[in-house]
PDB file of N, CA and C in Angstrom:
ATOM      1  N   MET A   1      -2.232  -8.657 -23.481  1.00  0.00           N
ATOM      2  CA  MET A   1      -2.135  -8.925 -22.130  1.00  0.00           C
ATOM      3  C   MET A   1      -1.998  -7.454 -21.806  1.00  0.00           C
ATOM      4  N   VAL A   2      -2.350  -7.255 -20.784  1.00  0.00           N
ATOM      5  CA  VAL A   2      -2.767  -6.354 -20.117  1.00  0.00           C
ATOM      6  C   VAL A   2      -1.948  -5.356 -18.775  1.00  0.00           C
ATOM      7  N   ASP A   3      -1.077  -4.143 -18.551  1.00  0.00           N
ATOM      8  CA  ASP A   3       0.192  -4.048 -18.245  1.00  0.00           C
ATOM      9  C   ASP A   3      -0.724  -4.400 -16.618  1.00  0.00           C
ATOM     10  N   GLN A   4       0.394  -4.631 -15.672  1.00  0.00           N
ATOM     11  CA  GLN A   4       0.319  -6.042 -14.949  1.00  0.00           C
ATOM     12  C   GLN A   4       1.256  -4.723 -13.865  1.00  0.00           C
ATOM     13  N   LEU A   5       1.332  -3.761 -13.647  1.00  0.00           N
ATOM     14  CA  LEU A   5       1.948  -2.300 -12.602  1.00  0.00           C
ATOM     15  C   LEU A   5       1.611  -3.849 -11.350  1.00  0.00           C
ATOM     16  N   CYS A   6       3.036  -4.061 -10.987  1.00  0.00           N
ATOM     17  CA  CYS A   6       3.608  -4.484  -9.413  1.00  0.00           C
ATOM     18  C   CYS A   6       3.379  -5.784  -8.702  1.00  0.00           C
ATOM     19  N   SER A   7       2.601  -6.383 -10.679  1.00  0.00           N
ATOM     20  CA  SER A   7       2.483  -8.351  -9.905  1.00  0.00           C
ATOM     21  C   SER A   7       3.140  -9.754  -9.816  1.00  0.00           C
ATOM     22  N   GLU A   8       4.788  -8.898  -9.880  1.00  0.00           N
ATOM     23  CA  GLU A   8       5.703 -10.130  -9.644  1.00  0.00           C
ATOM     24  C   GLU A   8       5.772  -9.802  -8.257  1.00  0.00           C
ATOM     25  N   GLU A   9       5.934  -8.668  -8.025  1.00  0.00           N
ATOM     26  CA  GLU A   9       5.764  -8.482  -6.737  1.00  0.00           C
ATOM     27  C   GLU A   9       5.427  -8.980  -5.146  1.00  0.00           C
ATOM     28  N   PHE A  10       3.586  -8.288  -6.071  1.00  0.00           N
ATOM     29  CA  PHE A  10       2.461  -9.183  -5.472  1.00  0.00           C
ATOM     30  C   PHE A  10       2.429 -10.836  -5.289  1.00  0.00           C
ATOM     31  N   ARG A  11       3.096 -11.354  -6.592  1.00  0.00           N
ATOM     32  CA  ARG A  11       3.142 -12.827  -6.867  1.00  0.00           C
ATOM     33  C   ARG A  11       4.568 -13.453  -5.226  1.00  0.00           C
ATOM     34  N   ALA A  12       5.281 -12.697  -5.233  1.00  0.00           N
ATOM     35  CA  ALA A  12       6.804 -12.853  -4.601  1.00  0.00           C
ATOM     36  C   ALA A  12       5.810 -12.458  -3.051  1.00  0.00           C
ATOM     37  N   PHE A  13       5.545 -11.764  -2.434  1.00  0.00           N
ATOM     38  CA  PHE A  13       4.597 -11.628  -1.528  1.00  0.00           C
ATOM     39  C   PHE A  13       4.030 -12.469  -1.053  1.00  0.00           C
ATOM     40  N   SER A  14       2.823 -13.373  -1.877  1.00  0.00           N
ATOM     41  CA  SER A  14       2.098 -14.095  -1.540  1.00  0.00           C
ATOM     42  C   SER A  14       3.071 -15.484  -1.150  1.00  0.00           C
ATOM     43  N   GLN A  15       3.633 -15.656  -2.241  1.00  0.00           N
ATOM     44  CA  GLN A  15       4.193 -16.761  -1.723  1.00  0.00           C
ATOM     45  C   GLN A  15       5.409 -16.919  -0.393  1.00  0.00           C
ATOM     46  N   ARG A  16       5.819 -15.393   0.551  1.00  0.00           N
ATOM     47  CA  ARG A  16       6.717 -15.539   1.325  1.00  0.00           C
ATOM     48  C   ARG A  16       5.960 -15.277   2.384  1.00  0.00           C
ATOM     49  N   TYR A  17       4.259 -14.380   2.646  1.00  0.00           N
ATOM     50  CA  TYR A  17       3.215 -14.369   3.611  1.00  0.00           C
ATOM     51  C   TYR A  17       2.000 -15.422   3.693  1.00  0.00           C
ATOM     52  N   PRO A  18       2.330 -16.394   3.894  1.00  0.00           N
ATOM     53  CA  PRO A  18       0.945 -17.827   3.157  1.00  0.00           C
ATOM     54  C   PRO A  18      -0.518 -16.693   3.950  1.00  0.00           C
ATOM     55  N   ASN A  19      -0.878 -15.575   4.935  1.00  0.00           N
ATOM     56  CA  ASN A  19      -1.653 -14.852   4.874  1.00  0.00           C
ATOM     57  C   ASN A  19      -2.196 -13.944   3.733  1.00  0.00           C
ATOM     58  N   PHE A  20      -1.575 -13.488   3.336  1.00  0.00           N
ATOM     59  CA  PHE A  20      -1.492 -12.490   1.167  1.00  0.00           C
ATOM     60  C   PHE A  20      -2.279 -13.771   0.874  1.00  0.00           C
ATOM     61  N   ARG A  21      -3.253 -13.144  -0.348  1.00  0.00           N
ATOM     62  CA  ARG A  21      -3.394 -13.737  -0.852  1.00  0.00           C
ATOM     63  C   ARG A  21      -3.120 -12.775  -2.733  1.00  0.00           C
ATOM     64  N   TYR A  22      -2.868 -13.076  -3.409  1.00  0.00           N
ATOM     65  CA  TYR A  22      -3.473 -12.306  -4.661  1.00  0.00           C
ATOM     66  C   TYR A  22      -3.695 -12.126  -6.348  1.00  0.00           C
ATOM     67  N   HIS A  23      -5.219 -12.123  -5.746  1.00  0.00           N
ATOM     68  CA  HIS A  23      -5.989 -12.726  -6.989  1.00  0.00           C
ATOM     69  C   HIS A  23      -5.922 -11.316  -8.299  1.00  0.00           C
ATOM     70  N   LEU A  24      -5.472 -11.717  -9.392  1.00  0.00           N
ATOM     71  CA  LEU A  24      -5.051 -10.706 -10.566  1.00  0.00           C
ATOM     72  C   LEU A  24      -6.509 -11.115 -11.663  1.00  0.00           C
ATOM     73  N   HIS A  25      -7.424 -10.147 -11.715  1.00  0.00           N
ATOM     74  CA  HIS A  25      -8.824  -9.964 -13.002  1.00  0.00           C
ATOM     75  C   HIS A  25      -8.693  -9.326 -13.728  1.00  0.00           C
ATOM     76  N   CYS A  26      -8.533  -9.603 -14.734  1.00  0.00           N
ATOM     77  CA  CYS A  26      -8.235  -8.496 -15.960  1.00  0.00           C
ATOM     78  C   CYS A  26      -9.749  -8.333 -16.871  1.00  0.00           C
ATOM     79  N   THR A  27     -10.944  -7.502 -17.203  1.00  0.00           N
ATOM     80  CA  THR A  27     -11.858  -7.681 -17.494  1.00  0.00           C
ATOM     81  C   THR A  27     -11.398  -7.651 -19.188  1.00  0.00           C
ATOM     82  N   GLU A  28     -10.306  -6.658 -20.092  1.00  0.00           N
ATOM     83  CA  GLU A  28     -10.232  -7.323 -21.457  1.00  0.00           C
ATOM     84  C   GLU A  28     -10.082  -8.377 -21.419  1.00  0.00           C
ATOM     85  N   GLU A  29      -9.868  -9.286 -20.643  1.00  0.00           N
ATOM     86  CA  GLU A  29      -9.349 -10.564 -20.520  1.00  0.00           C
ATOM     87  C   GLU A  29     -10.497 -11.591 -20.250  1.00  0.00           C
ATOM     88  N   GLY A  30     -11.786 -11.143 -20.017  1.00  0.00           N
ATOM     89  CA  GLY A  30     -12.041 -11.959 -19.838  1.00  0.00           C
ATOM     90  C   GLY A  30     -14.232 -11.043 -19.615  1.00  0.00           C
ATOM     91  N   SER A  31     -14.207 -12.164 -18.260  1.00  0.00           N
ATOM     92  CA  SER A  31     -15.355 -11.387 -17.583  1.00  0.00           C
ATOM     93  C   SER A  31     -15.449 -10.396 -16.970  1.00  0.00           C
ATOM     94  N   ARG A  32     -16.804  -9.671 -16.852  1.00  0.00           N
ATOM     95  CA  ARG A  32     -16.194  -8.157 -15.830  1.00  0.00           C
ATOM     96  C   ARG A  32     -15.915  -9.008 -14.464  1.00  0.00           C
ATOM     97  N   LEU A  33     -15.290  -9.009 -13.134  1.00  0.00           N
ATOM     98  CA  LEU A  33     -15.644  -8.832 -11.794  1.00  0.00           C
ATOM     99  C   LEU A  33     -16.537  -8.125 -10.988  1.00  0.00           C
ATOM    100  N   ASP A  34     -17.043  -9.581 -10.592  1.00  0.00           N
ATOM    101  CA  ASP A  34     -18.534  -9.055  -9.919  1.00  0.00           C
ATOM    102  C   ASP A  34     -18.359 -10.305  -7.971  1.00  0.00           C
ATOM    103  N   MET A  35     -19.461  -9.837  -7.036  1.00  0.00           N
ATOM    104  CA  MET A  35     -19.182 -10.608  -5.712  1.00  0.00           C
ATOM    105  C   MET A  35     -18.635 -11.635  -5.607  1.00  0.00           C
ATOM    106  N   ARG A  36     -19.894 -12.467  -6.543  1.00  0.00           N
ATOM    107  CA  ARG A  36     -20.261 -13.841  -6.911  1.00  0.00           C
ATOM    108  C   ARG A  36     -18.363 -14.621  -6.854  1.00  0.00           C
ATOM    109  N   GLN A  37     -17.592 -13.999  -7.467  1.00  0.00           N
ATOM    110  CA  GLN A  37     -16.161 -14.570  -7.760  1.00  0.00           C
ATOM    111  C   GLN A  37     -14.991 -14.024  -6.587  1.00  0.00           C
ATOM    112  N   ILE A  38     -15.648 -12.888  -6.077  1.00  0.00           N
ATOM    113  CA  ILE A  38     -14.491 -12.160  -5.414  1.00  0.00           C
ATOM    114  C   ILE A  38     -15.079 -13.446  -3.555  1.00  0.00           C
ATOM    115  N   GLN A  39     -16.145 -13.575  -4.036  1.00  0.00           N
ATOM    116  CA  GLN A  39     -17.037 -14.548  -2.549  1.00  0.00           C
ATOM    117  C   GLN A  39     -16.475 -16.185  -2.443  1.00  0.00           C
ATOM    118  N   GLU A  40     -16.179 -16.464  -3.886  1.00  0.00           N
ATOM    119  CA  GLU A  40     -15.575 -17.965  -4.481  1.00  0.00           C
ATOM    120  C   GLU A  40     -14.010 -18.083  -3.885  1.00  0.00           C
ATOM    121  N   GLN A  41     -13.287 -16.586  -3.944  1.00  0.00           N
ATOM    122  CA  GLN A  41     -11.906 -16.574  -3.891  1.00  0.00           C
ATOM    123  C   GLN A  41     -12.022 -16.412  -2.411  1.00  0.00           C
ATOM    124  N   CYS A  42     -12.108 -15.762  -2.327  1.00  0.00           N
ATOM    125  CA  CYS A  42     -12.118 -15.783  -0.559  1.00  0.00           C
ATOM    126  C   CYS A  42     -13.637 -15.528   0.232  1.00  0.00           C
ATOM    127  N   PRO A  43     -14.728 -17.019   0.480  1.00  0.00           N
ATOM    128  CA  PRO A  43     -15.804 -17.455   0.990  1.00  0.00           C
ATOM    129  C   PRO A  43     -15.897 -16.935   2.299  1.00  0.00           C
ATOM    130  N   ASN A  44     -14.936 -16.530   2.860  1.00  0.00           N
ATOM    131  CA  ASN A  44     -15.178 -16.162   4.511  1.00  0.00           C
ATOM    132  C   ASN A  44     -13.708 -14.028   3.911  1.00  0.00           C
ATOM    133  N   ILE A  45     -14.754 -14.177   3.374  1.00  0.00           N
ATOM    134  CA  ILE A  45     -13.652 -12.287   3.640  1.00  0.00           C
ATOM    135  C   ILE A  45     -14.690 -11.701   5.004  1.00  0.00           C
ATOM    136  N   ASN A  46     -15.385 -11.731   5.462  1.00  0.00           N
ATOM    137  CA  ASN A  46     -15.565 -11.270   7.251  1.00  0.00           C
ATOM    138  C   ASN A  46     -14.080 -11.272   8.030  1.00  0.00           C
ATOM    139  N   GLY A  47     -13.491  -9.487   8.097  1.00  0.00           N
ATOM    140  CA  GLY A  47     -11.983  -9.461   8.989  1.00  0.00           C
ATOM    141  C   GLY A  47     -10.597  -9.621   7.632  1.00  0.00           C
ATOM    142  N   LYS A  48     -11.179  -9.281   6.616  1.00  0.00           N
ATOM    143  CA  LYS A  48      -9.660  -9.971   5.781  1.00  0.00           C
ATOM    144  C   LYS A  48      -9.952  -8.043   5.374  1.00  0.00           C
ATOM    145  N   THR A  49      -8.862  -7.526   4.698  1.00  0.00           N
ATOM    146  CA  THR A  49      -8.312  -6.284   4.269  1.00  0.00           C
ATOM    147  C   THR A  49      -7.861  -6.808   2.931  1.00  0.00           C
ATOM    148  N   VAL A  50      -8.466  -5.514   2.674  1.00  0.00           N
ATOM    149  CA  VAL A  50      -9.260  -5.793   1.158  1.00  0.00           C
ATOM    150  C   VAL A  50      -8.249  -4.369   0.145  1.00  0.00           C
ATOM    151  N   LEU A  51      -7.286  -4.749  -0.694  1.00  0.00           N
ATOM    152  CA  LEU A  51      -6.524  -3.749  -0.789  1.00  0.00           C
ATOM    153  C   LEU A  51      -7.245  -4.044  -2.912  1.00  0.00           C
ATOM    154  N   MET A  52      -7.646  -3.095  -3.214  1.00  0.00           N
ATOM    155  CA  MET A  52      -7.890  -2.970  -4.529  1.00  0.00           C
ATOM    156  C   MET A  52      -7.740  -1.545  -5.809  1.00  0.00           C
ATOM    157  N   CYS A  53      -7.881  -2.321  -6.753  1.00  0.00           N
ATOM    158  CA  CYS A  53      -7.895  -0.777  -7.772  1.00  0.00           C
ATOM    159  C   CYS A  53      -8.419  -1.338  -8.169  1.00  0.00           C
ATOM    160  N   GLY A  54      -8.012  -0.060  -9.396  1.00  0.00           N
ATOM    161  CA  GLY A  54      -8.577   0.277 -10.812  1.00  0.00           C
ATOM    162  C   GLY A  54      -9.344   1.516 -10.965  1.00  0.00           C
ATOM    163  N   PRO A  55     -10.444   1.839 -11.412  1.00  0.00           N
ATOM    164  CA  PRO A  55     -11.499   2.518 -12.049  1.00  0.00           C
ATOM    165  C   PRO A  55     -12.225   3.199 -10.708  1.00  0.00           C
ATOM    166  N   THR A  56     -12.592   4.500 -10.772  1.00  0.00           N
ATOM    167  CA  THR A  56     -13.597   4.897  -9.639  1.00  0.00           C
ATOM    168  C   THR A  56     -14.919   4.683  -9.473  1.00  0.00           C
ATOM    169  N   ARG A  57     -15.629   4.053 -10.314  1.00  0.00           N
ATOM    170  CA  ARG A  57     -16.979   3.535 -10.029  1.00  0.00           C
ATOM    171  C   ARG A  57     -16.594   2.337  -9.644  1.00  0.00           C
ATOM    172  N   LEU A  58     -15.472   1.221 -11.060  1.00  0.00           N
ATOM    173  CA  LEU A  58     -15.437   0.356  -9.711  1.00  0.00           C
ATOM    174  C   LEU A  58     -14.836  -0.097  -9.012  1.00  0.00           C
ATOM    175  N   THR A  59     -14.339   0.890  -8.306  1.00  0.00           N
ATOM    176  CA  THR A  59     -14.201   0.446  -6.873  1.00  0.00           C
ATOM    177  C   THR A  59     -15.034   1.047  -5.310  1.00  0.00           C
ATOM    178  N   LEU A  60     -15.708   1.701  -5.902  1.00  0.00           N
ATOM    179  CA  LEU A  60     -16.782   2.109  -4.988  1.00  0.00           C
ATOM    180  C   LEU A  60     -17.764   1.852  -5.440  1.00  0.00           C
ATOM    181  N   TYR A  61     -17.808   0.487  -6.193  1.00  0.00           N
ATOM    182  CA  TYR A  61     -19.195  -0.207  -5.946  1.00  0.00           C
ATOM    183  C   TYR A  61     -18.489  -1.267  -5.283  1.00  0.00           C
ATOM    184  N   PHE A  62     -17.531  -1.954  -5.388  1.00  0.00           N
ATOM    185  CA  PHE A  62     -16.616  -3.238  -4.942  1.00  0.00           C
ATOM    186  C   PHE A  62     -16.656  -2.534  -3.156  1.00  0.00           C
ATOM    187  N   GLU A  63     -17.200  -1.553  -2.974  1.00  0.00           N
ATOM    188  CA  GLU A  63     -16.495  -0.648  -1.386  1.00  0.00           C
ATOM    189  C   GLU A  63     -17.939  -1.157  -0.919  1.00  0.00           C
ATOM    190  N   ARG A  64     -18.642  -0.598  -1.206  1.00  0.00           N
ATOM    191  CA  ARG A  64     -20.236  -0.186  -0.997  1.00  0.00           C
ATOM    192  C   ARG A  64     -20.757  -2.081  -0.810  1.00  0.00           C
ATOM    193  N   GLN A  65     -19.970  -2.965  -1.683  1.00  0.00           N
ATOM    194  CA  GLN A  65     -21.113  -4.420  -1.438  1.00  0.00           C
ATOM    195  C   GLN A  65     -19.321  -4.902  -0.298  1.00  0.00           C
ATOM    196  N   PHE A  66     -18.542  -4.851  -0.515  1.00  0.00           N
ATOM    197  CA  PHE A  66     -17.880  -5.101   0.482  1.00  0.00           C
ATOM    198  C   PHE A  66     -18.644  -5.043   2.184  1.00  0.00           C
ATOM    199  N   LEU A  67     -18.982  -3.790   2.297  1.00  0.00           N
ATOM    200  CA  LEU A  67     -19.510  -2.175   2.587  1.00  0.00           C
ATOM    201  C   LEU A  67     -20.897  -3.884   3.779  1.00  0.00           C
ATOM    202  N   LYS A  68     -22.067  -4.420   2.381  1.00  0.00           N
ATOM    203  CA  LYS A  68     -22.907  -5.284   2.897  1.00  0.00           C
ATOM    204  C   LYS A  68     -22.328  -6.864   3.400  1.00  0.00           C
ATOM    205  N   CYS A  69     -21.552  -7.179   3.349  1.00  0.00           N
ATOM    206  CA  CYS A  69     -20.421  -8.062   3.331  1.00  0.00           C
ATOM    207  C   CYS A  69     -20.649  -8.021   4.757  1.00  0.00           C
ATOM    208  N   GLY A  70     -20.056  -7.440   5.276  1.00  0.00           N
ATOM    209  CA  GLY A  70     -19.971  -6.931   7.165  1.00  0.00           C
ATOM    210  C   GLY A  70     -18.041  -6.213   7.012  1.00  0.00           C
ATOM    211  N   LEU A  71     -17.574  -6.556   6.094  1.00  0.00           N
ATOM    212  CA  LEU A  71     -16.220  -5.332   6.158  1.00  0.00           C
ATOM    213  C   LEU A  71     -16.508  -4.406   6.154  1.00  0.00           C
ATOM    214  N   LYS A  72     -15.517  -3.414   7.708  1.00  0.00           N
ATOM    215  CA  LYS A  72     -15.194  -2.583   7.523  1.00  0.00           C
ATOM    216  C   LYS A  72     -14.240  -1.543   6.711  1.00  0.00           C
ATOM    217  N   ARG A  73     -14.445  -0.569   6.801  1.00  0.00           N
ATOM    218  CA  ARG A  73     -13.847   0.760   6.456  1.00  0.00           C
ATOM    219  C   ARG A  73     -12.261   0.418   7.216  1.00  0.00           C
TER     220      ARG A  73
END
């Protein structure tokens, strides 16, 4: 199992606030994350706020993908 910073806090936050959804994806435990998987978790991503962490190359890639989907910076 990989280290999960603040995982319990995010889970508790998502239980307290129904508009907040927490989804942890660990590449080490399976496949790489892609936009298809994100859109399955959140089909209507427009108007949402996305928080992400990870390697710079990964976050820059997803930033471009989110912008293509209509999210604003």
